[in-house]
């Protein structure tokens, strides 16, 4: 409790505009109060000195429906890589894939 009171008092008096990370560094460096950033963040939130930020909801990506018939759409992809592990120069794998079945129609380095 003493450490918490002292830390919160110092933040109120000297570091009121600091975030938890910088405030923790200053408390450790100048006042020899060593606590975790997360603990200090919770203390600051309890005192009304810090607002937790809400995380953005992840964007949802819907998978496109496959084509209904073989041959309707052929997807082509090139993948440059060191495929032969320094036994030959870097090369690119060119791959042709049927969208309806996922079958590899053609591939070549």
PDB file of N, CA and C in Angstrom:
ATOM      1  N   UNK A   1       0.821  -1.199   0.000  1.00  0.00           N
ATOM      2  CA  UNK A   1       0.000   0.000   0.000  1.00  0.00           C
ATOM      3  C   UNK A   1       0.864   1.262   0.000  1.00  0.00           C
ATOM      4  N   UNK A   2       1.951   1.246   0.781  1.00  0.00           N
ATOM      5  CA  UNK A   2       2.823   2.426   0.842  1.00  0.00           C
ATOM      6  C   UNK A   2       3.431   2.747  -0.529  1.00  0.00           C
ATOM      7  N   UNK A   3       3.857   1.696  -1.221  1.00  0.00           N
ATOM      8  CA  UNK A   3       4.443   1.892  -2.551  1.00  0.00           C
ATOM      9  C   UNK A   3       3.393   2.457  -3.504  1.00  0.00           C
ATOM     10  N   UNK A   4       2.189   1.922  -3.418  1.00  0.00           N
ATOM     11  CA  UNK A   4       1.114   2.411  -4.290  1.00  0.00           C
ATOM     12  C   UNK A   4       0.809   3.880  -3.992  1.00  0.00           C
ATOM     13  N   UNK A   5       0.658   4.216  -2.735  1.00  0.00           N
ATOM     14  CA  UNK A   5       0.338   5.602  -2.371  1.00  0.00           C
ATOM     15  C   UNK A   5       1.436   6.557  -2.825  1.00  0.00           C
ATOM     16  N   UNK A   6       2.679   6.146  -2.598  1.00  0.00           N
ATOM     17  CA  UNK A   6       3.803   7.002  -2.993  1.00  0.00           C
ATOM     18  C   UNK A   6       3.860   7.159  -4.517  1.00  0.00           C
ATOM     19  N   UNK A   7       3.683   6.057  -5.231  1.00  0.00           N
ATOM     20  CA  UNK A   7       3.715   6.101  -6.691  1.00  0.00           C
ATOM     21  C   UNK A   7       2.599   6.944  -7.261  1.00  0.00           C
ATOM     22  N   UNK A   8       1.387   6.758  -6.756  1.00  0.00           N
ATOM     23  CA  UNK A   8       0.247   7.534  -7.247  1.00  0.00           C
ATOM     24  C   UNK A   8       0.423   9.016  -6.924  1.00  0.00           C
ATOM     25  N   UNK A   9       0.959   9.317  -5.742  1.00  0.00           N
ATOM     26  CA  UNK A   9       1.196  10.712  -5.359  1.00  0.00           C
ATOM     27  C   UNK A   9       2.219  11.364  -6.287  1.00  0.00           C
ATOM     28  N   UNK A  10       3.289  10.656  -6.601  1.00  0.00           N
ATOM     29  CA  UNK A  10       4.296  11.193  -7.522  1.00  0.00           C
ATOM     30  C   UNK A  10       3.713  11.427  -8.911  1.00  0.00           C
ATOM     31  N   UNK A  11       2.872  10.508  -9.358  1.00  0.00           N
ATOM     32  CA  UNK A  11       2.245  10.681 -10.668  1.00  0.00           C
ATOM     33  C   UNK A  11       1.338  11.904 -10.646  1.00  0.00           C
ATOM     34  N   UNK A  12       0.577  12.076  -9.572  1.00  0.00           N
ATOM     35  CA  UNK A  12      -0.299  13.244  -9.441  1.00  0.00           C
ATOM     36  C   UNK A  12       0.504  14.540  -9.471  1.00  0.00           C
ATOM     37  N   UNK A  13       1.606  14.563  -8.733  1.00  0.00           N
ATOM     38  CA  UNK A  13       2.383  15.789  -8.567  1.00  0.00           C
ATOM     39  C   UNK A  13       3.306  16.101  -9.748  1.00  0.00           C
ATOM     40  N   UNK A  14       4.001  15.083 -10.257  1.00  0.00           N
ATOM     41  CA  UNK A  14       5.058  15.343 -11.242  1.00  0.00           C
ATOM     42  C   UNK A  14       4.783  14.791 -12.636  1.00  0.00           C
ATOM     43  N   UNK A  15       4.051  13.697 -12.726  1.00  0.00           N
ATOM     44  CA  UNK A  15       3.931  12.996 -14.005  1.00  0.00           C
ATOM     45  C   UNK A  15       2.472  12.856 -14.442  1.00  0.00           C
ATOM     46  N   UNK A  16       1.673  13.870 -14.202  1.00  0.00           N
ATOM     47  CA  UNK A  16       0.239  13.769 -14.469  1.00  0.00           C
ATOM     48  C   UNK A  16      -0.083  13.609 -15.953  1.00  0.00           C
ATOM     49  N   UNK A  17       0.798  14.082 -16.827  1.00  0.00           N
ATOM     50  CA  UNK A  17       0.533  13.975 -18.254  1.00  0.00           C
ATOM     51  C   UNK A  17       1.295  12.823 -18.909  1.00  0.00           C
ATOM     52  N   UNK A  18       1.897  11.943 -18.117  1.00  0.00           N
ATOM     53  CA  UNK A  18       2.645  10.809 -18.646  1.00  0.00           C
ATOM     54  C   UNK A  18       1.728   9.601 -18.778  1.00  0.00           C
ATOM     55  N   UNK A  19       2.048   8.741 -19.743  1.00  0.00           N
ATOM     56  CA  UNK A  19       1.376   7.452 -19.864  1.00  0.00           C
ATOM     57  C   UNK A  19       2.033   6.450 -18.928  1.00  0.00           C
ATOM     58  N   UNK A  20       1.449   5.273 -18.772  1.00  0.00           N
ATOM     59  CA  UNK A  20       1.973   4.270 -17.841  1.00  0.00           C
ATOM     60  C   UNK A  20       3.419   3.850 -18.113  1.00  0.00           C
ATOM     61  N   UNK A  21       3.784   3.711 -19.364  1.00  0.00           N
ATOM     62  CA  UNK A  21       5.140   3.236 -19.684  1.00  0.00           C
ATOM     63  C   UNK A  21       6.192   4.252 -19.274  1.00  0.00           C
ATOM     64  N   UNK A  22       6.012   5.495 -19.681  1.00  0.00           N
ATOM     65  CA  UNK A  22       6.984   6.530 -19.338  1.00  0.00           C
ATOM     66  C   UNK A  22       6.971   6.821 -17.839  1.00  0.00           C
ATOM     67  N   UNK A  23       5.799   6.825 -17.232  1.00  0.00           N
ATOM     68  CA  UNK A  23       5.714   7.057 -15.790  1.00  0.00           C
ATOM     69  C   UNK A  23       6.450   5.958 -15.020  1.00  0.00           C
ATOM     70  N   UNK A  24       6.314   4.717 -15.466  1.00  0.00           N
ATOM     71  CA  UNK A  24       7.015   3.612 -14.806  1.00  0.00           C
ATOM     72  C   UNK A  24       8.517   3.788 -14.914  1.00  0.00           C
ATOM     73  N   UNK A  25       8.985   4.199 -16.092  1.00  0.00           N
ATOM     74  CA  UNK A  25      10.423   4.428 -16.274  1.00  0.00           C
ATOM     75  C   UNK A  25      10.930   5.527 -15.346  1.00  0.00           C
ATOM     76  N   UNK A  26      10.176   6.625 -15.231  1.00  0.00           N
ATOM     77  CA  UNK A  26      10.595   7.733 -14.368  1.00  0.00           C
ATOM     78  C   UNK A  26      10.559   7.331 -12.894  1.00  0.00           C
ATOM     79  N   UNK A  27       9.540   6.584 -12.490  1.00  0.00           N
ATOM     80  CA  UNK A  27       9.477   6.132 -11.092  1.00  0.00           C
ATOM     81  C   UNK A  27      10.663   5.235 -10.761  1.00  0.00           C
ATOM     82  N   UNK A  28      11.035   4.362 -11.674  1.00  0.00           N
ATOM     83  CA  UNK A  28      12.162   3.462 -11.435  1.00  0.00           C
ATOM     84  C   UNK A  28      13.489   4.223 -11.441  1.00  0.00           C
ATOM     85  N   UNK A  29      13.644   5.114 -12.413  1.00  0.00           N
ATOM     86  CA  UNK A  29      14.913   5.822 -12.597  1.00  0.00           C
ATOM     87  C   UNK A  29      15.166   6.869 -11.517  1.00  0.00           C
ATOM     88  N   UNK A  30      14.173   7.661 -11.201  1.00  0.00           N
ATOM     89  CA  UNK A  30      14.385   8.790 -10.307  1.00  0.00           C
ATOM     90  C   UNK A  30      13.965   8.551  -8.859  1.00  0.00           C
ATOM     91  N   UNK A  31      13.044   7.613  -8.651  1.00  0.00           N
ATOM     92  CA  UNK A  31      12.501   7.425  -7.302  1.00  0.00           C
ATOM     93  C   UNK A  31      12.689   6.013  -6.772  1.00  0.00           C
ATOM     94  N   UNK A  32      13.310   5.145  -7.564  1.00  0.00           N
ATOM     95  CA  UNK A  32      13.614   3.765  -7.166  1.00  0.00           C
ATOM     96  C   UNK A  32      12.359   2.994  -6.765  1.00  0.00           C
ATOM     97  N   UNK A  33      11.257   3.268  -7.472  1.00  0.00           N
ATOM     98  CA  UNK A  33      10.023   2.508  -7.283  1.00  0.00           C
ATOM     99  C   UNK A  33       9.889   1.618  -8.508  1.00  0.00           C
ATOM    100  N   UNK A  34      10.060   0.321  -8.306  1.00  0.00           N
ATOM    101  CA  UNK A  34      10.053  -0.605  -9.431  1.00  0.00           C
ATOM    102  C   UNK A  34       8.778  -1.444  -9.387  1.00  0.00           C
ATOM    103  N   UNK A  35       7.910  -1.170 -10.359  1.00  0.00           N
ATOM    104  CA  UNK A  35       6.667  -1.919 -10.509  1.00  0.00           C
ATOM    105  C   UNK A  35       6.464  -2.160 -11.996  1.00  0.00           C
ATOM    106  N   UNK A  36       5.577  -3.059 -12.329  1.00  0.00           N
ATOM    107  CA  UNK A  36       5.336  -3.341 -13.741  1.00  0.00           C
ATOM    108  C   UNK A  36       4.479  -2.250 -14.365  1.00  0.00           C
ATOM    109  N   UNK A  37       4.582  -2.136 -15.658  1.00  0.00           N
ATOM    110  CA  UNK A  37       3.801  -1.151 -16.388  1.00  0.00           C
ATOM    111  C   UNK A  37       2.318  -1.434 -16.239  1.00  0.00           C
ATOM    112  N   UNK A  38       1.948  -2.700 -16.267  1.00  0.00           N
ATOM    113  CA  UNK A  38       0.540  -3.070 -16.170  1.00  0.00           C
ATOM    114  C   UNK A  38      -0.033  -2.726 -14.795  1.00  0.00           C
ATOM    115  N   UNK A  39       0.747  -2.960 -13.735  1.00  0.00           N
ATOM    116  CA  UNK A  39       0.294  -2.590 -12.387  1.00  0.00           C
ATOM    117  C   UNK A  39       0.090  -1.088 -12.302  1.00  0.00           C
ATOM    118  N   UNK A  40       1.044  -0.334 -12.810  1.00  0.00           N
ATOM    119  CA  UNK A  40       0.929   1.123 -12.780  1.00  0.00           C
ATOM    120  C   UNK A  40      -0.253   1.598 -13.615  1.00  0.00           C
ATOM    121  N   UNK A  41      -0.478   0.962 -14.736  1.00  0.00           N
ATOM    122  CA  UNK A  41      -1.624   1.314 -15.573  1.00  0.00           C
ATOM    123  C   UNK A  41      -2.935   1.120 -14.814  1.00  0.00           C
ATOM    124  N   UNK A  42      -3.047   0.004 -14.093  1.00  0.00           N
ATOM    125  CA  UNK A  42      -4.249  -0.255 -13.296  1.00  0.00           C
ATOM    126  C   UNK A  42      -4.415   0.776 -12.189  1.00  0.00           C
ATOM    127  N   UNK A  43      -3.329   1.134 -11.526  1.00  0.00           N
ATOM    128  CA  UNK A  43      -3.393   2.152 -10.478  1.00  0.00           C
ATOM    129  C   UNK A  43      -3.856   3.482 -11.063  1.00  0.00           C
ATOM    130  N   UNK A  44      -3.301   3.842 -12.232  1.00  0.00           N
ATOM    131  CA  UNK A  44      -3.668   5.103 -12.860  1.00  0.00           C
ATOM    132  C   UNK A  44      -5.137   5.093 -13.287  1.00  0.00           C
ATOM    133  N   UNK A  45      -5.622   3.961 -13.751  1.00  0.00           N
ATOM    134  CA  UNK A  45      -7.033   3.867 -14.125  1.00  0.00           C
ATOM    135  C   UNK A  45      -7.927   3.981 -12.894  1.00  0.00           C
ATOM    136  N   UNK A  46      -7.529   3.360 -11.790  1.00  0.00           N
ATOM    137  CA  UNK A  46      -8.295   3.445 -10.546  1.00  0.00           C
ATOM    138  C   UNK A  46      -8.383   4.888 -10.056  1.00  0.00           C
ATOM    139  N   UNK A  47      -7.322   5.656 -10.266  1.00  0.00           N
ATOM    140  CA  UNK A  47      -7.272   7.048  -9.828  1.00  0.00           C
ATOM    141  C   UNK A  47      -7.881   8.013 -10.852  1.00  0.00           C
ATOM    142  N   UNK A  48      -8.290   7.495 -12.006  1.00  0.00           N
ATOM    143  CA  UNK A  48      -8.853   8.348 -13.040  1.00  0.00           C
ATOM    144  C   UNK A  48      -7.811   9.115 -13.831  1.00  0.00           C
ATOM    145  N   UNK A  49      -6.567   8.681 -13.797  1.00  0.00           N
ATOM    146  CA  UNK A  49      -5.478   9.369 -14.505  1.00  0.00           C
ATOM    147  C   UNK A  49      -5.187   8.759 -15.878  1.00  0.00           C
ATOM    148  N   UNK A  50      -5.800   7.642 -16.178  1.00  0.00           N
ATOM    149  CA  UNK A  50      -5.551   6.974 -17.461  1.00  0.00           C
ATOM    150  C   UNK A  50      -6.823   6.277 -17.895  1.00  0.00           C
ATOM    151  N   UNK A  51      -7.136   6.408 -19.186  1.00  0.00           N
ATOM    152  CA  UNK A  51      -8.292   5.718 -19.747  1.00  0.00           C
ATOM    153  C   UNK A  51      -7.784   4.578 -20.605  1.00  0.00           C
ATOM    154  N   UNK A  52      -8.316   3.417 -20.374  1.00  0.00           N
ATOM    155  CA  UNK A  52      -7.948   2.279 -21.208  1.00  0.00           C
ATOM    156  C   UNK A  52      -8.485   2.486 -22.607  1.00  0.00           C
ATOM    157  N   UNK A  53      -7.727   2.105 -23.574  1.00  0.00           N
ATOM    158  CA  UNK A  53      -8.144   2.262 -24.963  1.00  0.00           C
ATOM    159  C   UNK A  53      -8.791   0.980 -25.442  1.00  0.00           C
ATOM    160  N   UNK A  54      -9.875   1.133 -26.153  1.00  0.00           N
ATOM    161  CA  UNK A  54     -10.533  -0.035 -26.718  1.00  0.00           C
ATOM    162  C   UNK A  54      -9.811  -0.439 -27.986  1.00  0.00           C
ATOM    163  N   UNK A  55      -9.671  -1.728 -28.171  1.00  0.00           N
ATOM    164  CA  UNK A  55      -9.037  -2.229 -29.386  1.00  0.00           C
ATOM    165  C   UNK A  55     -10.037  -2.208 -30.524  1.00  0.00           C
ATOM    166  N   UNK A  56      -9.527  -1.962 -31.702  1.00  0.00           N
ATOM    167  CA  UNK A  56     -10.380  -2.001 -32.873  1.00  0.00           C
ATOM    168  C   UNK A  56     -10.786  -3.444 -33.151  1.00  0.00           C
ATOM    169  N   UNK A  57     -12.022  -3.596 -33.564  1.00  0.00           N
ATOM    170  CA  UNK A  57     -12.480  -4.933 -33.948  1.00  0.00           C
ATOM    171  C   UNK A  57     -11.758  -5.331 -35.233  1.00  0.00           C
ATOM    172  N   UNK A  58     -11.313  -6.569 -35.309  1.00  0.00           N
ATOM    173  CA  UNK A  58     -10.616  -6.985 -36.529  1.00  0.00           C
ATOM    174  C   UNK A  58     -11.568  -6.969 -37.718  1.00  0.00           C
ATOM    175  N   UNK A  59     -11.035  -6.593 -38.871  1.00  0.00           N
ATOM    176  CA  UNK A  59     -11.844  -6.581 -40.078  1.00  0.00           C
ATOM    177  C   UNK A  59     -12.111  -8.021 -40.514  1.00  0.00           C
ATOM    178  N   UNK A  60     -13.334  -8.286 -40.864  1.00  0.00           N
ATOM    179  CA  UNK A  60     -13.698  -9.619 -41.326  1.00  0.00           C
ATOM    180  C   UNK A  60     -13.618  -9.659 -42.845  1.00  0.00           C
ATOM    181  N   UNK A  61     -12.968 -10.658 -43.347  1.00  0.00           N
ATOM    182  CA  UNK A  61     -12.865 -10.856 -44.772  1.00  0.00           C
ATOM    183  C   UNK A  61     -13.612 -12.128 -45.124  1.00  0.00           C
ATOM    184  N   UNK A  62     -14.580 -11.993 -45.973  1.00  0.00           N
ATOM    185  CA  UNK A  62     -15.366 -13.152 -46.367  1.00  0.00           C
ATOM    186  C   UNK A  62     -14.702 -13.827 -47.560  1.00  0.00           C
ATOM    187  N   UNK A  63     -14.631 -15.131 -47.504  1.00  0.00           N
ATOM    188  CA  UNK A  63     -14.058 -15.872 -48.613  1.00  0.00           C
ATOM    189  C   UNK A  63     -15.007 -15.818 -49.799  1.00  0.00           C
ATOM    190  N   UNK A  64     -14.442 -15.642 -50.950  1.00  0.00           N
ATOM    191  CA  UNK A  64     -15.224 -15.628 -52.169  1.00  0.00           C
ATOM    192  C   UNK A  64     -15.639 -17.058 -52.509  1.00  0.00           C
ATOM    193  N   UNK A  65     -16.852 -17.219 -52.985  1.00  0.00           N
ATOM    194  CA  UNK A  65     -17.313 -18.562 -53.373  1.00  0.00           C
ATOM    195  C   UNK A  65     -16.529 -19.024 -54.591  1.00  0.00           C
ATOM    196  N   UNK A  66     -16.210 -20.299 -54.602  1.00  0.00           N
ATOM    197  CA  UNK A  66     -15.492 -20.865 -55.746  1.00  0.00           C
ATOM    198  C   UNK A  66     -16.395 -20.885 -56.974  1.00  0.00           C
ATOM    199  N   UNK A  67     -15.770 -20.866 -58.129  1.00  0.00           N
ATOM    200  CA  UNK A  67     -16.531 -20.959 -59.372  1.00  0.00           C
ATOM    201  C   UNK A  67     -17.184 -22.340 -59.467  1.00  0.00           C
ATOM    202  N   UNK A  68     -18.338 -22.403 -60.099  1.00  0.00           N
ATOM    203  CA  UNK A  68     -19.074 -23.674 -60.101  1.00  0.00           C
ATOM    204  C   UNK A  68     -18.524 -24.735 -61.049  1.00  0.00           C
ATOM    205  N   UNK A  69     -17.763 -24.344 -62.051  1.00  0.00           N
ATOM    206  CA  UNK A  69     -17.362 -25.315 -63.069  1.00  0.00           C
ATOM    207  C   UNK A  69     -15.870 -25.232 -63.341  1.00  0.00           C
ATOM    208  N   UNK A  70     -15.268 -26.406 -63.556  1.00  0.00           N
ATOM    209  CA  UNK A  70     -13.854 -26.485 -63.896  1.00  0.00           C
ATOM    210  C   UNK A  70     -13.566 -25.649 -65.134  1.00  0.00           C
ATOM    211  N   UNK A  71     -12.520 -24.812 -65.051  1.00  0.00           N
ATOM    212  CA  UNK A  71     -12.094 -24.019 -66.191  1.00  0.00           C
ATOM    213  C   UNK A  71     -12.711 -22.632 -66.258  1.00  0.00           C
ATOM    214  N   UNK A  72     -13.673 -22.328 -65.409  1.00  0.00           N
ATOM    215  CA  UNK A  72     -14.278 -20.999 -65.418  1.00  0.00           C
ATOM    216  C   UNK A  72     -13.262 -19.914 -65.061  1.00  0.00           C
ATOM    217  N   UNK A  73     -12.405 -20.226 -64.109  1.00  0.00           N
ATOM    218  CA  UNK A  73     -11.409 -19.246 -63.671  1.00  0.00           C
ATOM    219  C   UNK A  73     -10.114 -19.974 -63.333  1.00  0.00           C
ATOM    220  N   UNK A  74      -9.032 -19.540 -63.934  1.00  0.00           N
ATOM    221  CA  UNK A  74      -7.712 -20.076 -63.625  1.00  0.00           C
ATOM    222  C   UNK A  74      -6.924 -18.954 -62.968  1.00  0.00           C
ATOM    223  N   UNK A  75      -6.449 -19.216 -61.771  1.00  0.00           N
ATOM    224  CA  UNK A  75      -5.664 -18.222 -61.043  1.00  0.00           C
ATOM    225  C   UNK A  75      -4.187 -18.489 -61.262  1.00  0.00           C
ATOM    226  N   UNK A  76      -3.433 -17.421 -61.474  1.00  0.00           N
ATOM    227  CA  UNK A  76      -2.000 -17.534 -61.730  1.00  0.00           C
ATOM    228  C   UNK A  76      -1.267 -16.786 -60.623  1.00  0.00           C
ATOM    229  N   UNK A  77      -0.250 -17.430 -60.075  1.00  0.00           N
ATOM    230  CA  UNK A  77       0.503 -16.818 -58.993  1.00  0.00           C
ATOM    231  C   UNK A  77       1.987 -17.052 -59.221  1.00  0.00           C
ATOM    232  N   UNK A  78       2.788 -16.045 -58.937  1.00  0.00           N
ATOM    233  CA  UNK A  78       4.234 -16.173 -59.010  1.00  0.00           C
ATOM    234  C   UNK A  78       4.829 -16.017 -57.619  1.00  0.00           C
ATOM    235  N   UNK A  79       5.734 -16.899 -57.253  1.00  0.00           N
ATOM    236  CA  UNK A  79       6.310 -16.875 -55.917  1.00  0.00           C
ATOM    237  C   UNK A  79       7.836 -16.843 -55.999  1.00  0.00           C
ATOM    238  N   UNK A  80       8.463 -15.637 -55.950  1.00  0.00           N
ATOM    239  CA  UNK A  80       9.924 -15.560 -55.998  1.00  0.00           C
ATOM    240  C   UNK A  80      10.518 -16.012 -54.667  1.00  0.00           C
ATOM    241  N   UNK A  81      11.516 -16.880 -54.733  1.00  0.00           N
ATOM    242  CA  UNK A  81      12.080 -17.439 -53.510  1.00  0.00           C
ATOM    243  C   UNK A  81      13.411 -18.121 -53.846  1.00  0.00           C
ATOM    244  N   UNK A  82      14.195 -18.382 -52.841  1.00  0.00           N
ATOM    245  CA  UNK A  82      15.431 -19.138 -53.016  1.00  0.00           C
ATOM    246  C   UNK A  82      15.088 -20.624 -52.914  1.00  0.00           C
ATOM    247  N   UNK A  83      14.358 -21.104 -53.894  1.00  0.00           N
ATOM    248  CA  UNK A  83      13.814 -22.467 -53.854  1.00  0.00           C
ATOM    249  C   UNK A  83      14.907 -23.536 -53.796  1.00  0.00           C
ATOM    250  N   UNK A  84      16.020 -23.304 -54.424  1.00  0.00           N
ATOM    251  CA  UNK A  84      17.056 -24.336 -54.521  1.00  0.00           C
ATOM    252  C   UNK A  84      18.183 -24.130 -53.521  1.00  0.00           C
ATOM    253  N   UNK A  85      17.955 -23.307 -52.538  1.00  0.00           N
ATOM    254  CA  UNK A  85      18.851 -23.130 -51.382  1.00  0.00           C
ATOM    255  C   UNK A  85      20.306 -22.923 -51.778  1.00  0.00           C
ATOM    256  N   UNK A  86      20.597 -21.907 -52.549  1.00  0.00           N
ATOM    257  CA  UNK A  86      21.953 -21.519 -52.967  1.00  0.00           C
ATOM    258  C   UNK A  86      22.633 -22.523 -53.885  1.00  0.00           C
ATOM    259  N   UNK A  87      21.927 -23.527 -54.362  1.00  0.00           N
ATOM    260  CA  UNK A  87      22.512 -24.453 -55.333  1.00  0.00           C
ATOM    261  C   UNK A  87      22.318 -23.944 -56.746  1.00  0.00           C
ATOM    262  N   UNK A  88      21.486 -22.919 -56.871  1.00  0.00           N
ATOM    263  CA  UNK A  88      21.220 -22.288 -58.165  1.00  0.00           C
ATOM    264  C   UNK A  88      20.727 -20.875 -57.873  1.00  0.00           C
ATOM    265  N   UNK A  89      20.636 -20.029 -58.879  1.00  0.00           N
ATOM    266  CA  UNK A  89      20.138 -18.674 -58.627  1.00  0.00           C
ATOM    267  C   UNK A  89      18.684 -18.695 -58.130  1.00  0.00           C
ATOM    268  N   UNK A  90      18.302 -17.582 -57.490  1.00  0.00           N
ATOM    269  CA  UNK A  90      16.903 -17.452 -57.063  1.00  0.00           C
ATOM    270  C   UNK A  90      15.999 -17.569 -58.277  1.00  0.00           C
ATOM    271  N   UNK A  91      14.843 -18.143 -58.082  1.00  0.00           N
ATOM    272  CA  UNK A  91      13.917 -18.275 -59.198  1.00  0.00           C
ATOM    273  C   UNK A  91      12.481 -18.072 -58.712  1.00  0.00           C
ATOM    274  N   UNK A  92      11.568 -17.985 -59.650  1.00  0.00           N
ATOM    275  CA  UNK A  92      10.170 -17.753 -59.343  1.00  0.00           C
ATOM    276  C   UNK A  92       9.361 -18.962 -59.776  1.00  0.00           C
ATOM    277  N   UNK A  93       8.508 -19.435 -58.897  1.00  0.00           N
ATOM    278  CA  UNK A  93       7.598 -20.517 -59.239  1.00  0.00           C
ATOM    279  C   UNK A  93       6.322 -19.890 -59.768  1.00  0.00           C
ATOM    280  N   UNK A  94       5.953 -20.232 -61.000  1.00  0.00           N
ATOM    281  CA  UNK A  94       4.704 -19.784 -61.598  1.00  0.00           C
ATOM    282  C   UNK A  94       3.727 -20.948 -61.485  1.00  0.00           C
ATOM    283  N   UNK A  95       2.545 -20.662 -60.928  1.00  0.00           N
ATOM    284  CA  UNK A  95       1.589 -21.713 -60.623  1.00  0.00           C
ATOM    285  C   UNK A  95       0.221 -21.335 -61.190  1.00  0.00           C
ATOM    286  N   UNK A  96      -0.402 -22.241 -61.940  1.00  0.00           N
ATOM    287  CA  UNK A  96      -1.744 -22.045 -62.482  1.00  0.00           C
ATOM    288  C   UNK A  96      -2.674 -22.996 -61.732  1.00  0.00           C
ATOM    289  N   UNK A  97      -3.723 -22.464 -61.116  1.00  0.00           N
ATOM    290  CA  UNK A  97      -4.637 -23.273 -60.305  1.00  0.00           C
ATOM    291  C   UNK A  97      -6.068 -23.038 -60.757  1.00  0.00           C
ATOM    292  N   UNK A  98      -6.811 -24.131 -60.924  1.00  0.00           N
ATOM    293  CA  UNK A  98      -8.226 -24.015 -61.254  1.00  0.00           C
ATOM    294  C   UNK A  98      -8.994 -23.606 -60.001  1.00  0.00           C
ATOM    295  N   UNK A  99      -9.856 -22.594 -60.125  1.00  0.00           N
ATOM    296  CA  UNK A  99     -10.571 -22.068 -58.969  1.00  0.00           C
ATOM    297  C   UNK A  99     -11.635 -23.039 -58.464  1.00  0.00           C
ATOM    298  N   UNK A 100     -12.331 -23.738 -59.353  1.00  0.00           N
ATOM    299  CA  UNK A 100     -13.429 -24.606 -58.943  1.00  0.00           C
ATOM    300  C   UNK A 100     -12.945 -25.812 -58.141  1.00  0.00           C
ATOM    301  N   UNK A 101     -11.823 -26.409 -58.549  1.00  0.00           N
ATOM    302  CA  UNK A 101     -11.358 -27.649 -57.923  1.00  0.00           C
ATOM    303  C   UNK A 101     -10.124 -27.476 -57.045  1.00  0.00           C
ATOM    304  N   UNK A 102      -9.369 -26.384 -57.240  1.00  0.00           N
ATOM    305  CA  UNK A 102      -8.119 -26.202 -56.511  1.00  0.00           C
ATOM    306  C   UNK A 102      -6.987 -27.025 -57.109  1.00  0.00           C
ATOM    307  N   UNK A 103      -7.239 -27.638 -58.255  1.00  0.00           N
ATOM    308  CA  UNK A 103      -6.255 -28.488 -58.917  1.00  0.00           C
ATOM    309  C   UNK A 103      -5.186 -27.638 -59.585  1.00  0.00           C
ATOM    310  N   UNK A 104      -3.911 -28.048 -59.427  1.00  0.00           N
ATOM    311  CA  UNK A 104      -2.792 -27.371 -60.086  1.00  0.00           C
ATOM    312  C   UNK A 104      -2.785 -27.808 -61.549  1.00  0.00           C
ATOM    313  N   UNK A 105      -2.954 -26.829 -62.436  1.00  0.00           N
ATOM    314  CA  UNK A 105      -2.996 -27.129 -63.867  1.00  0.00           C
ATOM    315  C   UNK A 105      -1.602 -27.101 -64.476  1.00  0.00           C
ATOM    316  N   UNK A 106      -0.738 -26.206 -63.938  1.00  0.00           N
ATOM    317  CA  UNK A 106       0.587 -26.065 -64.505  1.00  0.00           C
ATOM    318  C   UNK A 106       1.452 -25.352 -63.480  1.00  0.00           C
ATOM    319  N   UNK A 107       2.697 -25.772 -63.365  1.00  0.00           N
ATOM    320  CA  UNK A 107       3.647 -25.091 -62.488  1.00  0.00           C
ATOM    321  C   UNK A 107       5.025 -25.183 -63.124  1.00  0.00           C
ATOM    322  N   UNK A 108       5.763 -24.085 -63.042  1.00  0.00           N
ATOM    323  CA  UNK A 108       7.088 -24.082 -63.641  1.00  0.00           C
ATOM    324  C   UNK A 108       7.973 -23.053 -62.949  1.00  0.00           C
ATOM    325  N   UNK A 109       9.261 -23.384 -62.813  1.00  0.00           N
ATOM    326  CA  UNK A 109      10.235 -22.424 -62.271  1.00  0.00           C
ATOM    327  C   UNK A 109      10.712 -21.526 -63.378  1.00  0.00           C
TER     328      UNK A 109
END
